[in-house]
């Protein structure tokens, strides 16, 4: 009964996918291969790989958990309870910055996913801040406190 009540209180805060520009390296190699007639099959394979990576990845943030779902046919889902998240940071390289995308790294105390990468998403700073706010609220509601040891 308690589990059902908790699940009913769970609300989706944000759902997002990697940006099409996140596979810029594959697009670059596909263009180079397309220049040659022999490279056409390789170009098709590279473009299909980029498409599959983008379409098969989904991220979701609720007020209690963070989900990463991957796979076209077979599905793999990673889940982290928000109160287990310790820190969130993002990285944006030069090319990524030009396209308005970036990578986010979630650091948690979760045994199965202590470090989770979110790659090539639009508005990485906004997503990071949404996640940060959500995990701070979850930690507060669960009564979890940070303990730092100074030497």
C-alpha atoms as a PDB file:
ATOM      1  CA  UNK A   1       0.000   0.000   0.000  1.00  0.00           C
ATOM      2  CA  UNK A   2       2.779   2.426   0.927  1.00  0.00           C
ATOM      3  CA  UNK A   3       4.609   1.650  -2.351  1.00  0.00           C
ATOM      4  CA  UNK A   4       1.476   2.406  -4.399  1.00  0.00           C
ATOM      5  CA  UNK A   5       1.009   5.736  -2.618  1.00  0.00           C
ATOM      6  CA  UNK A   6       4.624   6.681  -3.261  1.00  0.00           C
ATOM      7  CA  UNK A   7       4.324   5.744  -6.938  1.00  0.00           C
ATOM      8  CA  UNK A   8       1.164   7.840  -7.308  1.00  0.00           C
ATOM      9  CA  UNK A   9       3.010  10.874  -5.907  1.00  0.00           C
ATOM     10  CA  UNK A  10       5.690  10.528  -8.559  1.00  0.00           C
ATOM     11  CA  UNK A  11       5.408  13.261 -11.187  1.00  0.00           C
ATOM     12  CA  UNK A  12       7.420  13.642 -14.373  1.00  0.00           C
ATOM     13  CA  UNK A  13       9.455  16.836 -14.346  1.00  0.00           C
ATOM     14  CA  UNK A  14      11.301  16.512 -17.643  1.00  0.00           C
ATOM     15  CA  UNK A  15      11.671  14.097 -20.550  1.00  0.00           C
ATOM     16  CA  UNK A  16      14.301  14.535 -23.259  1.00  0.00           C
ATOM     17  CA  UNK A  17      16.365  12.802 -25.937  1.00  0.00           C
ATOM     18  CA  UNK A  18      19.832  13.370 -27.375  1.00  0.00           C
ATOM     19  CA  UNK A  19      20.000  16.095 -30.013  1.00  0.00           C
ATOM     20  CA  UNK A  20      20.482  15.169 -33.677  1.00  0.00           C
ATOM     21  CA  UNK A  21      23.710  17.180 -33.596  1.00  0.00           C
ATOM     22  CA  UNK A  22      25.058  14.891 -30.851  1.00  0.00           C
ATOM     23  CA  UNK A  23      26.334  12.507 -33.534  1.00  0.00           C
ATOM     24  CA  UNK A  24      28.317  15.179 -35.382  1.00  0.00           C
ATOM     25  CA  UNK A  25      31.426  12.970 -35.522  1.00  0.00           C
ATOM     26  CA  UNK A  26      29.534  10.228 -37.350  1.00  0.00           C
ATOM     27  CA  UNK A  27      28.041  12.775 -39.750  1.00  0.00           C
ATOM     28  CA  UNK A  28      31.523  14.106 -40.479  1.00  0.00           C
ATOM     29  CA  UNK A  29      32.852  10.623 -41.280  1.00  0.00           C
ATOM     30  CA  UNK A  30      29.758   9.863 -43.356  1.00  0.00           C
ATOM     31  CA  UNK A  31      30.365  12.968 -45.474  1.00  0.00           C
ATOM     32  CA  UNK A  32      34.001  12.007 -45.976  1.00  0.00           C
ATOM     33  CA  UNK A  33      32.974   8.492 -47.038  1.00  0.00           C
ATOM     34  CA  UNK A  34      30.214   9.810 -49.309  1.00  0.00           C
ATOM     35  CA  UNK A  35      32.789  11.686 -51.387  1.00  0.00           C
ATOM     36  CA  UNK A  36      34.061   8.369 -52.708  1.00  0.00           C
ATOM     37  CA  UNK A  37      31.835   5.923 -54.598  1.00  0.00           C
ATOM     38  CA  UNK A  38      33.288   2.990 -52.643  1.00  0.00           C
ATOM     39  CA  UNK A  39      32.428   4.737 -49.370  1.00  0.00           C
ATOM     40  CA  UNK A  40      28.664   4.818 -50.037  1.00  0.00           C
ATOM     41  CA  UNK A  41      27.860   1.635 -48.058  1.00  0.00           C
ATOM     42  CA  UNK A  42      29.983   2.919 -45.165  1.00  0.00           C
ATOM     43  CA  UNK A  43      28.144   6.259 -45.324  1.00  0.00           C
ATOM     44  CA  UNK A  44      24.797   4.489 -45.032  1.00  0.00           C
ATOM     45  CA  UNK A  45      26.016   2.418 -42.074  1.00  0.00           C
ATOM     46  CA  UNK A  46      27.344   5.512 -40.278  1.00  0.00           C
ATOM     47  CA  UNK A  47      24.111   7.450 -40.804  1.00  0.00           C
ATOM     48  CA  UNK A  48      21.999   4.502 -39.625  1.00  0.00           C
ATOM     49  CA  UNK A  49      24.205   4.161 -36.543  1.00  0.00           C
ATOM     50  CA  UNK A  50      23.746   7.863 -35.716  1.00  0.00           C
ATOM     51  CA  UNK A  51      19.978   7.588 -36.219  1.00  0.00           C
ATOM     52  CA  UNK A  52      19.738   4.459 -34.040  1.00  0.00           C
ATOM     53  CA  UNK A  53      21.686   6.051 -31.177  1.00  0.00           C
ATOM     54  CA  UNK A  54      19.461   9.127 -31.153  1.00  0.00           C
ATOM     55  CA  UNK A  55      16.127   7.337 -31.539  1.00  0.00           C
ATOM     56  CA  UNK A  56      16.893   4.585 -29.023  1.00  0.00           C
ATOM     57  CA  UNK A  57      17.854   6.826 -26.101  1.00  0.00           C
ATOM     58  CA  UNK A  58      15.363   8.499 -23.776  1.00  0.00           C
ATOM     59  CA  UNK A  59      15.939  10.310 -20.481  1.00  0.00           C
ATOM     60  CA  UNK A  60      13.304  11.077 -17.861  1.00  0.00           C
ATOM     61  CA  UNK A  61      13.395  12.976 -14.577  1.00  0.00           C
ATOM     62  CA  UNK A  62      10.610  12.612 -12.044  1.00  0.00           C
ATOM     63  CA  UNK A  63      10.403  14.105  -8.582  1.00  0.00           C
ATOM     64  CA  UNK A  64      11.753  10.791  -7.195  1.00  0.00           C
ATOM     65  CA  UNK A  65      13.924   9.102  -9.856  1.00  0.00           C
ATOM     66  CA  UNK A  66      16.106   9.626 -12.908  1.00  0.00           C
ATOM     67  CA  UNK A  67      15.759   7.176 -15.825  1.00  0.00           C
ATOM     68  CA  UNK A  68      17.950   6.430 -18.833  1.00  0.00           C
ATOM     69  CA  UNK A  69      16.369   4.076 -21.365  1.00  0.00           C
ATOM     70  CA  UNK A  70      18.289   2.736 -24.371  1.00  0.00           C
ATOM     71  CA  UNK A  71      17.703   0.172 -27.108  1.00  0.00           C
ATOM     72  CA  UNK A  72      15.633  -0.164 -30.262  1.00  0.00           C
ATOM     73  CA  UNK A  73      14.476  -3.757 -29.941  1.00  0.00           C
ATOM     74  CA  UNK A  74      15.849  -4.926 -26.605  1.00  0.00           C
ATOM     75  CA  UNK A  75      15.432  -2.304 -23.888  1.00  0.00           C
ATOM     76  CA  UNK A  76      17.871  -1.414 -21.125  1.00  0.00           C
ATOM     77  CA  UNK A  77      16.814   0.967 -18.381  1.00  0.00           C
ATOM     78  CA  UNK A  78      18.998   2.510 -15.700  1.00  0.00           C
ATOM     79  CA  UNK A  79      17.307   4.148 -12.747  1.00  0.00           C
ATOM     80  CA  UNK A  80      18.736   6.260  -9.962  1.00  0.00           C
ATOM     81  CA  UNK A  81      16.768   7.382  -6.926  1.00  0.00           C
ATOM     82  CA  UNK A  82      17.196  11.162  -6.805  1.00  0.00           C
ATOM     83  CA  UNK A  83      18.188  11.176  -3.132  1.00  0.00           C
ATOM     84  CA  UNK A  84      21.245   9.064  -4.097  1.00  0.00           C
ATOM     85  CA  UNK A  85      22.598  11.707  -6.491  1.00  0.00           C
ATOM     86  CA  UNK A  86      25.613  13.489  -5.014  1.00  0.00           C
ATOM     87  CA  UNK A  87      26.536  15.914  -7.792  1.00  0.00           C
ATOM     88  CA  UNK A  88      25.687  16.897 -11.359  1.00  0.00           C
ATOM     89  CA  UNK A  89      28.002  18.653 -13.795  1.00  0.00           C
ATOM     90  CA  UNK A  90      28.019  19.379 -17.477  1.00  0.00           C
ATOM     91  CA  UNK A  91      30.632  19.637 -20.196  1.00  0.00           C
ATOM     92  CA  UNK A  92      30.371  21.518 -23.473  1.00  0.00           C
ATOM     93  CA  UNK A  93      33.166  21.321 -26.045  1.00  0.00           C
ATOM     94  CA  UNK A  94      33.714  23.925 -28.735  1.00  0.00           C
ATOM     95  CA  UNK A  95      31.719  22.119 -31.439  1.00  0.00           C
ATOM     96  CA  UNK A  96      28.982  21.235 -28.963  1.00  0.00           C
ATOM     97  CA  UNK A  97      28.754  24.856 -27.905  1.00  0.00           C
ATOM     98  CA  UNK A  98      28.269  25.932 -31.531  1.00  0.00           C
ATOM     99  CA  UNK A  99      25.315  23.519 -31.806  1.00  0.00           C
ATOM    100  CA  UNK A 100      23.889  24.349 -28.363  1.00  0.00           C
ATOM    101  CA  UNK A 101      24.342  20.842 -26.992  1.00  0.00           C
ATOM    102  CA  UNK A 102      26.413  19.326 -24.194  1.00  0.00           C
ATOM    103  CA  UNK A 103      27.054  16.353 -21.939  1.00  0.00           C
ATOM    104  CA  UNK A 104      25.903  15.973 -18.340  1.00  0.00           C
ATOM    105  CA  UNK A 105      27.551  13.726 -15.773  1.00  0.00           C
ATOM    106  CA  UNK A 106      25.508  12.431 -12.827  1.00  0.00           C
ATOM    107  CA  UNK A 107      27.549  11.299  -9.829  1.00  0.00           C
ATOM    108  CA  UNK A 108      25.631   9.151  -7.370  1.00  0.00           C
ATOM    109  CA  UNK A 109      25.990   6.704  -4.508  1.00  0.00           C
ATOM    110  CA  UNK A 110      23.961   4.156  -6.520  1.00  0.00           C
ATOM    111  CA  UNK A 111      25.778   0.791  -6.603  1.00  0.00           C
ATOM    112  CA  UNK A 112      24.856  -0.016 -10.226  1.00  0.00           C
ATOM    113  CA  UNK A 113      25.239   3.488 -11.728  1.00  0.00           C
ATOM    114  CA  UNK A 114      27.718   5.562  -9.709  1.00  0.00           C
ATOM    115  CA  UNK A 115      28.587   7.618 -12.798  1.00  0.00           C
ATOM    116  CA  UNK A 116      25.974   8.170 -15.490  1.00  0.00           C
ATOM    117  CA  UNK A 117      26.671  10.077 -18.717  1.00  0.00           C
ATOM    118  CA  UNK A 118      23.959  11.996 -20.534  1.00  0.00           C
ATOM    119  CA  UNK A 119      25.422  12.776 -23.921  1.00  0.00           C
ATOM    120  CA  UNK A 120      24.582  15.358 -26.566  1.00  0.00           C
ATOM    121  CA  UNK A 121      21.456  17.037 -25.211  1.00  0.00           C
ATOM    122  CA  UNK A 122      20.057  20.491 -25.958  1.00  0.00           C
ATOM    123  CA  UNK A 123      20.172  23.028 -23.114  1.00  0.00           C
ATOM    124  CA  UNK A 124      22.517  21.007 -20.880  1.00  0.00           C
ATOM    125  CA  UNK A 125      22.735  23.763 -18.250  1.00  0.00           C
ATOM    126  CA  UNK A 126      18.928  23.880 -17.855  1.00  0.00           C
ATOM    127  CA  UNK A 127      18.713  20.097 -17.585  1.00  0.00           C
ATOM    128  CA  UNK A 128      21.534  20.083 -15.027  1.00  0.00           C
ATOM    129  CA  UNK A 129      19.776  22.733 -12.945  1.00  0.00           C
ATOM    130  CA  UNK A 130      16.420  20.897 -13.154  1.00  0.00           C
ATOM    131  CA  UNK A 131      18.126  17.700 -11.998  1.00  0.00           C
ATOM    132  CA  UNK A 132      20.020  19.546  -9.246  1.00  0.00           C
ATOM    133  CA  UNK A 133      16.840  21.138  -7.896  1.00  0.00           C
ATOM    134  CA  UNK A 134      14.996  17.813  -8.012  1.00  0.00           C
ATOM    135  CA  UNK A 135      17.715  15.832  -6.248  1.00  0.00           C
ATOM    136  CA  UNK A 136      18.101  18.488  -3.532  1.00  0.00           C
ATOM    137  CA  UNK A 137      14.335  18.381  -2.866  1.00  0.00           C
ATOM    138  CA  UNK A 138      14.376  14.558  -2.836  1.00  0.00           C
ATOM    139  CA  UNK A 139      17.308  14.486  -0.405  1.00  0.00           C
ATOM    140  CA  UNK A 140      15.518  16.959   1.843  1.00  0.00           C
ATOM    141  CA  UNK A 141      12.237  15.003   1.819  1.00  0.00           C
ATOM    142  CA  UNK A 142      14.099  11.722   2.528  1.00  0.00           C
ATOM    143  CA  UNK A 143      16.077  13.341   5.351  1.00  0.00           C
ATOM    144  CA  UNK A 144      19.440  12.680   3.681  1.00  0.00           C
ATOM    145  CA  UNK A 145      22.270  15.002   4.703  1.00  0.00           C
ATOM    146  CA  UNK A 146      25.714  15.505   3.243  1.00  0.00           C
ATOM    147  CA  UNK A 147      28.613  14.561   5.460  1.00  0.00           C
ATOM    148  CA  UNK A 148      31.973  16.078   4.648  1.00  0.00           C
ATOM    149  CA  UNK A 149      35.129  15.133   6.453  1.00  0.00           C
ATOM    150  CA  UNK A 150      37.855  17.734   6.763  1.00  0.00           C
ATOM    151  CA  UNK A 151      41.393  16.649   7.464  1.00  0.00           C
END
